[in-house]
Amino acid sequence: MTTPHGTAPMATPAGTGPTTTRHGDTPTTPHRDALITTPVLEARSLSVGHDRHAVLTGLDLGIERGTVTTIVGANGCGKSTLLKAFGRVLKPMAGEVLLDGVPIRREPNRAVARKLAILPQSPVAPSGTSVLDLVMRGRNPHQSWARPWTAEDADVAEQAIAATGLSAVAHRDVASLSGGQRQRAWIALVLAQRADTLLLDEPTTYLDLAHQLEVLRLVRRINRDQGSTVVMVLHDLTLAARYSDRLVVLHDGGVLADGTPDQVLTPDVLATAFGLHARVVPDPVTGAPMVVPEADEHLPASPDSRGTQG
C-alpha cells in the first residue's frame, strides 16, 4: 500500500518571505510569538529531478512554520518533485534540504517520520482495509520492538478519525467510501502520525468540487487548530488562493513568484507560468484573488489565425 513516507514525506522577489494573510472560510492570524525564525523546511541551492535529468536547478525556498504554503505551476514544472525532495523521497542531485535547520539526509528515518508526513498522489489501500486499520498505520513511526502497539496509539488513531469526521464509518472498508471520505481517511492517517509538518501532493485530485472544498476546509482547520505546517500541491488556482497563506509558482526550473495570493496571482505571472490570459478579480465570498480566463474573443490573435485581407 502507499502510506506517508517515513523517509518521509512575488510578485515579490522569489525566495523572500511574505507577510502571512489567510483567505480561508474563517480567516485567522497565526500566533507570531509561537513561531521561530528558522524555516521548518528549507531548500538550499537545490537541484533535483529524475533519471539524471534535473527538473529544478539551484532552487532556494524556505517554508515558514505554522502556515499553509501551496506550490502551483504548469504540468511538468516540478511541483511534485519539490514535494518529494522535501519529504526525502527523492535524493537531491545538488544542494540540500533542511528540516528544522538540520540537513534531512542526516536524520534517522523514524526521526524524520515523527516530524514530517507526506501524502502522495492518489494513494490506494489494500482490499478489505477498514478506516481504523488504515489510520492505525500512521502510528508505525512511533513503534519499535521495545514499544509495540499501545492504548495511547489507539487513542491517537481514534482522535485522528474523529478530527476528520469519520467516526461513524471507522469500521467500514476504505474502498466503500465516497471520494471525499477516502481522502479524509488518508489525511487521518497523516494526523495519526503526529508530525508537525504535512506534505500533501494534490490532495483534491479526482474529487468533484464539493469534495475538494471538504478536503481543503479540513486542511485549513488542521492548520488552524493544531498549528500544523502544511505544504501542498494544487492545480486549481482559485482554491489555492482561498485556502493558502502563501503561493509559490514554479517555472523553468525555479521559483517564478513567491508571496501571498494577492501578490502572486497577477496577469503577468499567469501568462508566463501557464500561458494563460486571464483577469484576476476578488472572490465575492472571501475577497481572495480569483482567476477568470479571458473569453475567446478577447484573446490575442495567434499568428496562424491572422489572414490577409484582400
Protein backbone atom coordinates (compact mmCIF):
# COMPACT_ATOMS: atom_id res chain seq x y z
CA MET A 1 0.00 0.00 0.00
CA THR A 2 1.04 3.60 -0.28
CA THR A 3 1.47 5.39 3.04
CA PRO A 4 3.12 8.63 4.16
CA HIS A 5 6.81 8.08 3.67
CA GLY A 6 8.79 7.93 6.88
CA THR A 7 11.82 8.59 4.77
CA ALA A 8 9.47 10.94 4.84
CA PRO A 9 7.39 12.87 3.21
CA MET A 10 6.04 37.68 -5.93
CA ALA A 11 5.12 39.20 -7.49
CA THR A 12 7.62 39.97 -4.72
CA PRO A 13 11.16 38.73 -5.35
CA ALA A 14 11.36 34.95 -5.39
CA GLY A 15 12.65 33.41 -2.18
CA THR A 16 11.65 36.27 0.12
CA GLY A 17 9.25 35.56 2.95
CA PRO A 18 5.78 37.03 2.54
CA THR A 19 3.60 38.58 5.18
CA THR A 20 1.03 35.92 6.05
CA THR A 21 -2.62 36.51 5.23
CA ARG A 22 -5.43 33.99 5.23
CA HIS A 23 -8.29 33.73 2.80
CA GLY A 24 -9.99 30.55 4.07
CA ASP A 25 -13.58 30.26 5.20
CA THR A 26 -12.65 31.59 8.65
CA PRO A 27 -9.63 33.86 8.29
CA THR A 28 -7.27 33.89 11.24
CA THR A 29 -3.87 35.27 12.10
CA PRO A 30 -1.03 32.93 13.12
CA HIS A 31 0.40 33.38 16.60
CA ARG A 32 3.70 35.02 15.71
CA ASP A 33 5.08 34.70 19.21
CA ALA A 34 4.79 30.91 18.87
CA LEU A 35 6.80 30.79 15.66
CA ILE A 36 10.56 30.63 15.42
CA THR A 37 12.66 32.23 12.76
CA THR A 38 14.24 29.03 11.42
CA PRO A 39 12.17 27.68 8.48
CA VAL A 40 10.67 24.31 9.27
CA LEU A 41 11.76 23.18 5.79
CA GLU A 42 14.33 24.79 3.55
CA ALA A 43 15.78 24.07 0.13
CA ARG A 44 19.25 25.50 -0.41
CA SER A 45 20.64 25.59 -3.96
CA LEU A 46 18.53 22.50 -4.60
CA SER A 47 18.76 20.62 -7.89
CA VAL A 48 16.53 17.57 -8.19
CA GLY A 49 14.86 15.54 -10.90
CA HIS A 50 14.52 12.09 -12.40
CA ASP A 51 16.87 9.78 -14.34
CA ARG A 52 19.74 12.27 -14.16
CA HIS A 53 17.53 14.98 -15.65
CA ALA A 54 17.19 17.98 -13.34
CA VAL A 55 13.67 19.39 -13.18
CA LEU A 56 14.61 22.06 -10.62
CA THR A 57 18.03 23.69 -10.50
CA GLY A 58 19.61 25.88 -7.83
CA LEU A 59 16.31 26.41 -6.03
CA ASP A 60 16.21 28.31 -2.72
CA LEU A 61 12.99 28.20 -0.72
CA GLY A 62 12.10 28.29 2.98
CA ILE A 63 8.78 27.17 4.48
CA GLU A 64 7.56 29.21 7.43
CA ARG A 65 6.33 27.28 10.46
CA GLY A 66 2.59 27.17 11.10
CA THR A 67 1.49 28.30 7.64
CA VAL A 68 -0.18 26.78 4.59
CA THR A 69 2.02 27.04 1.50
CA THR A 70 0.74 25.85 -1.86
CA ILE A 71 3.02 25.06 -4.78
CA VAL A 72 1.49 25.77 -8.19
CA GLY A 73 2.66 25.79 -11.77
CA ALA A 74 2.14 24.20 -15.16
CA ASN A 75 2.31 20.43 -15.64
CA GLY A 76 5.89 19.18 -15.51
CA CYS A 77 7.28 22.23 -13.75
CA GLY A 78 8.46 20.24 -10.71
CA LYS A 79 5.72 20.67 -8.11
CA SER A 80 5.57 17.04 -7.02
CA THR A 81 9.33 16.73 -7.50
CA LEU A 82 9.91 19.50 -4.98
CA LEU A 83 7.47 17.96 -2.51
CA LYS A 84 9.24 14.59 -2.79
CA ALA A 85 12.60 16.28 -2.23
CA PHE A 86 11.20 17.96 0.90
CA GLY A 87 9.93 14.56 2.06
CA ARG A 88 13.24 12.79 1.36
CA VAL A 89 11.58 10.59 -1.25
CA LEU A 90 13.89 11.98 -3.95
CA LYS A 91 17.60 12.48 -3.34
CA PRO A 92 18.94 15.87 -4.47
CA MET A 93 21.42 15.98 -7.34
CA ALA A 94 22.95 19.02 -5.72
CA GLY A 95 22.17 21.29 -2.79
CA GLU A 96 20.46 20.45 0.44
CA VAL A 97 17.09 20.10 2.16
CA LEU A 98 16.98 21.16 5.81
CA LEU A 99 14.38 20.08 8.37
CA ASP A 100 14.32 22.33 11.44
CA GLY A 101 17.69 23.70 10.34
CA VAL A 102 19.36 20.27 10.09
CA PRO A 103 20.19 18.52 6.80
CA ILE A 104 17.40 15.99 6.42
CA ARG A 105 19.78 13.38 4.96
CA ARG A 106 21.50 13.14 8.35
CA GLU A 107 18.31 12.34 10.26
CA PRO A 108 17.25 8.74 11.04
CA ASN A 109 14.14 7.60 9.20
CA ARG A 110 11.96 7.39 12.31
CA ALA A 111 13.07 10.82 13.50
CA VAL A 112 12.06 12.31 10.15
CA ALA A 113 8.72 10.49 10.17
CA ARG A 114 7.89 11.91 13.60
CA LYS A 115 8.38 15.43 12.26
CA LEU A 116 7.26 15.12 8.65
CA ALA A 117 4.38 13.26 6.98
CA ILE A 118 3.83 13.04 3.23
CA LEU A 119 0.62 12.04 1.48
CA PRO A 120 1.37 11.07 -2.14
CA GLN A 121 -0.93 11.42 -5.12
CA SER A 122 -3.85 9.00 -5.36
CA PRO A 123 -2.90 6.53 -2.60
CA VAL A 124 -4.63 3.14 -2.66
CA ALA A 125 -5.36 0.96 0.37
CA PRO A 126 -5.26 -2.85 0.17
CA SER A 127 -8.60 -4.53 -0.35
CA GLY A 128 -10.51 -5.11 2.86
CA THR A 129 -8.74 -2.38 4.84
CA SER A 130 -11.02 -0.56 7.26
CA VAL A 131 -10.67 3.13 8.04
CA LEU A 132 -9.41 2.27 11.53
CA ASP A 133 -6.85 -0.21 10.18
CA LEU A 134 -5.58 2.38 7.71
CA VAL A 135 -5.29 5.16 10.27
CA MET A 136 -3.53 2.90 12.78
CA ARG A 137 -0.66 2.59 10.30
CA GLY A 138 0.13 6.22 10.93
CA ARG A 139 1.46 5.16 14.33
CA ASN A 140 4.22 2.99 12.83
CA PRO A 141 6.99 5.63 13.24
CA HIS A 142 6.30 5.66 16.99
CA GLN A 143 6.58 1.90 17.46
CA SER A 144 9.54 -0.47 17.78
CA TRP A 145 10.27 -3.95 19.09
CA ALA A 146 10.61 -2.36 22.54
CA ARG A 147 7.42 -0.32 22.18
CA PRO A 148 4.65 -2.26 20.42
CA TRP A 149 1.10 -1.05 19.87
CA THR A 150 -0.27 0.65 22.99
CA ALA A 151 -3.54 2.09 24.25
CA GLU A 152 -2.07 5.53 23.55
CA ASP A 153 -1.68 4.61 19.88
CA ALA A 154 -5.31 3.51 19.76
CA ASP A 155 -6.40 6.79 21.33
CA VAL A 156 -4.37 8.82 18.84
CA ALA A 157 -5.87 6.90 15.90
CA GLU A 158 -9.41 7.40 17.23
CA GLN A 159 -8.74 11.11 17.74
CA ALA A 160 -7.50 11.42 14.14
CA ILE A 161 -10.60 9.66 12.87
CA ALA A 162 -12.83 11.96 14.93
CA ALA A 163 -10.94 15.07 13.76
CA THR A 164 -11.63 14.14 10.14
CA GLY A 165 -15.31 13.41 10.79
CA LEU A 166 -15.09 9.68 10.10
CA SER A 167 -16.06 8.12 13.44
CA ALA A 168 -19.34 6.80 12.02
CA VAL A 169 -17.51 4.89 9.26
CA ALA A 170 -14.40 3.85 11.20
CA HIS A 171 -15.08 0.14 10.65
CA ARG A 172 -16.09 0.38 7.01
CA ASP A 173 -13.88 -0.71 4.14
CA VAL A 174 -11.99 2.29 2.76
CA ALA A 175 -12.98 1.22 -0.76
CA SER A 176 -16.68 1.64 0.10
CA LEU A 177 -16.32 5.34 1.00
CA SER A 178 -17.03 8.35 -1.18
CA GLY A 179 -14.07 10.10 -2.76
CA GLY A 180 -14.10 12.84 -0.15
CA GLN A 181 -14.33 10.35 2.71
CA ARG A 182 -11.45 8.28 1.31
CA GLN A 183 -9.22 11.31 1.11
CA ARG A 184 -10.17 12.29 4.65
CA ALA A 185 -9.22 8.77 5.78
CA TRP A 186 -5.74 9.23 4.31
CA ILE A 187 -5.45 12.61 5.97
CA ALA A 188 -6.47 10.94 9.24
CA LEU A 189 -3.55 8.54 8.76
CA VAL A 190 -1.24 11.53 8.39
CA LEU A 191 -2.72 13.11 11.52
CA ALA A 192 -2.17 9.90 13.48
CA GLN A 193 1.49 10.16 12.60
CA ARG A 194 1.53 13.29 14.80
CA ALA A 195 4.06 15.06 12.59
CA ASP A 196 4.17 18.84 12.83
CA THR A 197 4.61 19.27 9.07
CA LEU A 198 2.32 17.78 6.41
CA LEU A 199 3.22 17.44 2.73
CA LEU A 200 0.11 16.86 0.59
CA ASP A 201 0.58 16.08 -3.09
CA GLU A 202 -2.58 17.06 -4.97
CA PRO A 203 -4.98 16.08 -2.16
CA THR A 204 -8.02 17.07 -4.25
CA THR A 205 -7.17 15.09 -7.41
CA TYR A 206 -10.18 13.30 -8.97
CA LEU A 207 -12.60 14.86 -6.49
CA ASP A 208 -15.65 16.86 -7.50
CA LEU A 209 -15.87 20.46 -6.36
CA ALA A 210 -17.89 19.74 -3.22
CA HIS A 211 -15.37 17.13 -2.06
CA GLN A 212 -12.45 19.39 -2.95
CA LEU A 213 -13.88 22.04 -0.65
CA GLU A 214 -14.47 19.42 2.05
CA VAL A 215 -10.82 18.35 1.97
CA LEU A 216 -9.37 21.86 1.81
CA ARG A 217 -11.54 23.06 4.69
CA LEU A 218 -10.24 20.14 6.70
CA VAL A 219 -6.63 21.03 5.81
CA ARG A 220 -7.18 24.61 6.90
CA ARG A 221 -8.85 23.50 10.13
CA ILE A 222 -5.90 21.23 10.95
CA ASN A 223 -3.54 24.13 10.35
CA ARG A 224 -5.62 26.49 12.48
CA ASP A 225 -6.44 24.16 15.37
CA GLN A 226 -3.21 22.16 15.63
CA GLY A 227 -0.71 24.71 14.35
CA SER A 228 0.47 22.27 11.67
CA THR A 229 2.67 23.47 8.84
CA VAL A 230 1.16 22.39 5.52
CA VAL A 231 2.85 22.33 2.13
CA MET A 232 0.62 21.12 -0.68
CA VAL A 233 0.41 20.94 -4.45
CA LEU A 234 -2.80 22.11 -6.12
CA HIS A 235 -3.90 22.77 -9.68
CA ASP A 236 -6.94 24.98 -9.03
CA LEU A 237 -5.50 28.46 -8.58
CA THR A 238 -8.65 29.99 -7.15
CA LEU A 239 -8.95 27.32 -4.48
CA ALA A 240 -5.23 27.61 -3.78
CA ALA A 241 -5.67 31.33 -3.22
CA ARG A 242 -8.65 30.80 -0.92
CA TYR A 243 -7.03 28.23 1.36
CA SER A 244 -3.35 29.24 1.40
CA ASP A 245 -1.27 31.80 3.22
CA ARG A 246 1.40 31.67 0.55
CA LEU A 247 1.72 30.60 -3.07
CA VAL A 248 4.94 29.51 -4.76
CA VAL A 249 4.88 29.45 -8.57
CA LEU A 250 7.41 27.17 -10.23
CA HIS A 251 8.53 27.78 -13.80
CA ASP A 252 11.56 26.99 -15.94
CA GLY A 253 13.42 25.09 -13.23
CA GLY A 254 12.96 27.55 -10.39
CA VAL A 255 10.71 29.89 -8.46
CA LEU A 256 8.98 32.46 -10.65
CA ALA A 257 6.88 34.10 -7.92
CA ASP A 258 6.54 33.68 -4.17
CA GLY A 259 4.25 35.54 -1.81
CA THR A 260 0.70 35.98 -0.64
CA PRO A 261 -2.04 35.04 -3.12
CA ASP A 262 -2.70 38.73 -3.78
CA GLN A 263 0.95 39.31 -4.60
CA VAL A 264 1.45 36.24 -6.76
CA LEU A 265 -1.70 35.86 -8.84
CA THR A 266 -1.23 38.60 -11.40
CA PRO A 267 -1.99 38.54 -15.12
CA ASP A 268 1.74 38.70 -15.92
CA VAL A 269 2.58 35.71 -13.70
CA LEU A 270 -0.33 33.71 -15.13
CA ALA A 271 0.77 34.47 -18.68
CA THR A 272 4.38 33.49 -18.01
CA ALA A 273 3.81 30.39 -15.88
CA PHE A 274 0.74 28.94 -17.59
CA GLY A 275 0.46 30.70 -20.95
CA LEU A 276 -2.92 31.83 -19.64
CA HIS A 277 -4.59 35.12 -20.50
CA ALA A 278 -6.81 35.88 -17.52
CA ARG A 279 -8.17 38.56 -15.28
CA VAL A 280 -7.74 38.42 -11.50
CA VAL A 281 -10.74 39.67 -9.54
CA PRO A 282 -11.72 39.49 -5.86
CA ASP A 283 -13.59 36.36 -4.84
CA PRO A 284 -17.08 37.65 -3.92
CA VAL A 285 -17.16 35.34 -0.87
CA THR A 286 -13.67 35.65 0.66
CA GLY A 287 -12.02 38.55 -1.15
CA ALA A 288 -9.14 36.29 -2.19
CA PRO A 289 -7.93 36.62 -5.78
CA MET A 290 -10.00 34.65 -8.27
CA VAL A 291 -8.66 33.75 -11.71
CA VAL A 292 -11.08 34.32 -14.59
CA PRO A 293 -9.79 33.26 -18.04
CA GLU A 294 -10.44 35.69 -20.83
CA ALA A 295 -13.25 34.89 -23.25
CA ASP A 296 -12.06 33.67 -26.65
CA GLU A 297 -13.00 36.91 -28.37
CA HIS A 298 -10.71 38.85 -26.01
CA LEU A 299 -7.62 36.70 -26.57
CA PRO A 300 -4.76 37.99 -28.72
CA ALA A 301 -4.88 36.62 -32.24
CA SER A 302 -2.41 33.80 -32.90
CA PRO A 303 -0.10 34.12 -35.92
CA ASP A 304 -1.92 31.28 -37.72
CA SER A 305 -5.26 32.99 -37.32
CA ARG A 306 -4.19 36.27 -38.90
CA GLY A 307 -5.28 36.11 -42.51
CA THR A 308 -4.57 38.66 -45.20
CA GLN A 309 -7.39 40.84 -46.30
CA GLY A 310 -7.88 41.50 -49.97
